Amino acid sequence: MAKILIAYYSRRGENYVNGSIRNLALGNTEIMASKIKALLPDADMFRIDTLRQYSPSYMTCIEEAKQELRNQARPEMKEKLDGIDHYDTIILGYPNWWGTMPMVCYTFLESYDFSGKRIIPFCTNEGSGMGSSERFIKKLCPNATVLNGISIHGAEVQTADNEARKIAELAQ
């Protein structure tokens, strides 16, 4: 059986949901990652997080994220995995920030050798889909097999069971 890693970045607190700012106890991507984990109990989970925290204000955070994107920043990760050699499949989850994934996901992808791995991306968003993130994952991991990503509308993540099942099936 394939060894699976569910790696994700998610923002708790103030988030944009269906046209307004709401305070979320758990970020949408974290909720989706947990749904997938429930379907793949033997998979490992890893929360990608930044060492320097973003502003708790959503509006300030998106400006910080825009600046990171402009600067092609690689924020330092709070924690790192010892390695990914023993994983066959990596499920990578993230929100769509400015048409791509948060820059810390670039840091994550550049920190390990994904050669020979399968990467299954999923992205939570409020209507912008996967953006250009799949293209960047393929560029950062040229020797990996990157499957087509699954886009999940963030406001509907609580009921995204079909999407979670689809990701879990792809991983097996």
Protein backbone atom coordinates (compact mmCIF):
# COMPACT_ATOMS: atom_id res chain seq x y z
CA MET A 1 0.00 0.00 0.00
CA ALA A 2 1.22 3.48 -0.86
CA LYS A 3 2.44 5.70 1.96
CA ILE A 4 0.56 8.99 1.81
CA LEU A 5 1.33 12.43 3.22
CA ILE A 6 -1.35 15.10 3.51
CA ALA A 7 0.50 18.42 3.67
CA TYR A 8 -1.50 21.62 3.86
CA TYR A 9 -1.37 25.32 4.62
CA SER A 10 -4.50 26.87 6.10
CA ARG A 11 -5.45 30.19 7.64
CA ARG A 12 -7.59 30.32 10.78
CA GLY A 13 -9.23 33.51 12.01
CA GLU A 14 -10.44 36.24 9.68
CA ASN A 15 -11.17 34.94 6.19
CA TYR A 16 -13.18 36.00 3.17
CA VAL A 17 -16.29 33.83 2.88
CA ASN A 18 -19.13 34.42 0.42
CA GLY A 19 -18.45 38.13 0.09
CA SER A 20 -17.80 39.01 3.72
CA ILE A 21 -15.10 38.65 6.36
CA ARG A 22 -15.79 35.90 8.90
CA ASN A 23 -13.82 34.54 11.82
CA LEU A 24 -13.10 30.83 11.29
CA ALA A 25 -12.03 28.57 14.15
CA LEU A 26 -10.44 26.29 11.54
CA GLY A 27 -9.34 27.34 8.09
CA ASN A 28 -11.14 25.87 5.08
CA THR A 29 -8.08 24.00 3.85
CA GLU A 30 -7.55 22.46 7.29
CA ILE A 31 -11.16 21.27 7.34
CA MET A 32 -10.71 19.67 3.92
CA ALA A 33 -7.40 18.06 4.94
CA SER A 34 -9.16 16.58 7.98
CA LYS A 35 -11.94 15.17 5.79
CA ILE A 36 -9.34 13.50 3.58
CA LYS A 37 -7.46 12.17 6.62
CA ALA A 38 -10.68 10.57 7.91
CA LEU A 39 -10.91 8.66 4.61
CA LEU A 40 -7.19 7.76 4.66
CA PRO A 41 -6.53 6.92 8.33
CA ASP A 42 -3.04 5.54 7.62
CA ALA A 43 -1.91 8.76 5.92
CA ASP A 44 0.34 11.17 7.79
CA MET A 45 -0.59 14.84 8.13
CA PHE A 46 1.73 17.82 8.14
CA ARG A 47 0.61 21.38 8.69
CA ILE A 48 2.72 23.78 6.64
CA ASP A 49 3.05 26.99 8.61
CA THR A 50 5.20 30.09 8.56
CA LEU A 51 7.67 30.94 11.28
CA ARG A 52 6.59 34.59 11.10
CA GLN A 53 2.85 34.78 11.51
CA TYR A 54 0.67 36.88 9.23
CA SER A 55 -1.49 39.65 10.61
CA PRO A 56 -4.72 38.46 12.24
CA SER A 57 -6.50 41.10 10.11
CA TYR A 58 -7.61 39.51 6.83
CA MET A 59 -7.15 42.75 4.88
CA THR A 60 -3.61 43.21 6.21
CA CYS A 61 -2.80 39.54 5.63
CA ILE A 62 -3.77 39.68 1.95
CA GLU A 63 -1.51 42.70 1.50
CA GLU A 64 1.33 40.79 3.18
CA ALA A 65 0.66 37.85 0.86
CA LYS A 66 0.62 40.14 -2.18
CA GLN A 67 3.98 41.59 -1.16
CA GLU A 68 5.45 38.11 -0.70
CA LEU A 69 4.25 37.15 -4.18
CA ARG A 70 5.70 40.31 -5.74
CA ASN A 71 9.03 39.64 -4.04
CA GLN A 72 8.91 35.89 -4.82
CA ALA A 73 9.59 35.44 -1.09
CA ARG A 74 10.16 32.06 0.47
CA PRO A 75 8.87 32.40 4.04
CA GLU A 76 10.61 30.17 6.53
CA MET A 77 8.55 27.20 7.69
CA LYS A 78 7.80 26.85 11.39
CA GLU A 79 8.51 23.11 11.26
CA LYS A 80 10.05 20.80 8.68
CA LEU A 81 9.71 17.13 7.93
CA ASP A 82 12.78 14.94 8.32
CA GLY A 83 12.25 13.94 4.71
CA ILE A 84 9.69 12.58 2.28
CA ASP A 85 11.57 9.58 0.90
CA HIS A 86 9.13 7.07 2.40
CA TYR A 87 6.06 8.72 0.83
CA ASP A 88 4.74 7.70 -2.59
CA THR A 89 1.92 10.24 -2.73
CA ILE A 90 1.67 13.77 -1.40
CA ILE A 91 -1.72 15.42 -1.15
CA LEU A 92 -0.99 19.14 -1.09
CA GLY A 93 -3.69 21.54 0.12
CA TYR A 94 -3.69 25.33 0.19
CA PRO A 95 -5.93 28.36 -0.27
CA ASN A 96 -5.75 30.37 -3.48
CA TRP A 97 -3.87 33.57 -2.67
CA TRP A 98 -3.50 36.01 -5.54
CA GLY A 99 -4.01 33.35 -8.19
CA THR A 100 -1.55 30.83 -6.76
CA MET A 101 -0.67 29.07 -3.53
CA PRO A 102 0.77 30.89 -0.49
CA MET A 103 4.50 31.42 -0.86
CA VAL A 104 5.26 29.13 2.08
CA CYS A 105 3.97 26.28 -0.11
CA TYR A 106 6.75 27.17 -2.56
CA THR A 107 9.18 26.93 0.37
CA PHE A 108 7.75 23.49 1.18
CA LEU A 109 8.05 22.23 -2.40
CA GLU A 110 11.61 23.54 -2.73
CA SER A 111 12.67 21.92 0.56
CA TYR A 112 12.34 18.30 -0.57
CA ASP A 113 13.02 16.10 -3.58
CA PHE A 114 9.69 15.06 -5.08
CA SER A 115 11.25 12.93 -7.85
CA GLY A 116 9.10 9.87 -8.51
CA LYS A 117 6.32 11.08 -6.20
CA ARG A 118 2.68 11.69 -7.10
CA ILE A 119 1.36 15.07 -6.02
CA ILE A 120 -2.39 15.60 -5.74
CA PRO A 121 -3.12 19.31 -5.23
CA PHE A 122 -6.33 20.69 -3.80
CA CYS A 123 -7.17 24.32 -3.36
CA THR A 124 -9.83 26.11 -1.35
CA ASN A 125 -11.03 29.38 -2.81
CA GLU A 126 -13.98 31.71 -3.10
CA GLY A 127 -14.38 31.35 -6.85
CA SER A 128 -10.89 31.66 -8.32
CA GLY A 129 -10.29 27.91 -8.67
CA MET A 130 -6.77 26.52 -8.83
CA GLY A 131 -5.35 29.68 -10.40
CA SER A 132 -1.85 29.04 -11.76
CA SER A 133 -0.81 26.85 -8.83
CA GLU A 134 -0.74 23.57 -10.77
CA ARG A 135 1.64 25.05 -13.33
CA PHE A 136 3.96 26.23 -10.56
CA ILE A 137 3.87 22.86 -8.78
CA LYS A 138 4.89 21.16 -12.04
CA LYS A 139 7.69 23.69 -12.50
CA LEU A 140 8.96 23.26 -8.93
CA CYS A 141 8.68 19.45 -9.04
CA PRO A 142 9.58 18.52 -12.64
CA ASN A 143 10.32 14.88 -11.81
CA ALA A 144 7.04 14.29 -9.98
CA THR A 145 3.71 13.28 -11.43
CA VAL A 146 1.34 16.16 -10.67
CA LEU A 147 -2.31 15.19 -11.01
CA ASN A 148 -5.01 17.67 -11.95
CA GLY A 149 -5.98 19.69 -8.91
CA ILE A 150 -9.30 19.65 -7.13
CA SER A 151 -10.86 23.06 -6.48
CA ILE A 152 -13.14 23.42 -3.46
CA HIS A 153 -15.30 26.46 -2.82
CA GLY A 154 -14.28 27.49 0.68
CA ALA A 155 -17.77 28.44 1.80
CA GLU A 156 -18.90 24.91 0.93
CA VAL A 157 -16.01 22.99 2.48
CA GLN A 158 -18.17 21.59 5.30
CA THR A 159 -20.20 19.64 2.72
CA ALA A 160 -17.37 18.85 0.27
CA ASP A 161 -17.51 15.12 0.99
CA ASN A 162 -17.55 14.15 -2.71
CA GLU A 163 -14.37 16.15 -3.33
CA ALA A 164 -12.70 14.56 -0.29
CA ARG A 165 -13.65 11.09 -1.56
CA LYS A 166 -12.30 11.90 -5.02
CA ILE A 167 -8.94 13.01 -3.56
CA ALA A 168 -8.76 9.94 -1.32
CA GLU A 169 -9.50 7.64 -4.29
CA LEU A 170 -6.80 9.31 -6.39
CA ALA A 171 -4.29 8.78 -3.56
CA GLN A 172 -4.89 5.03 -3.23
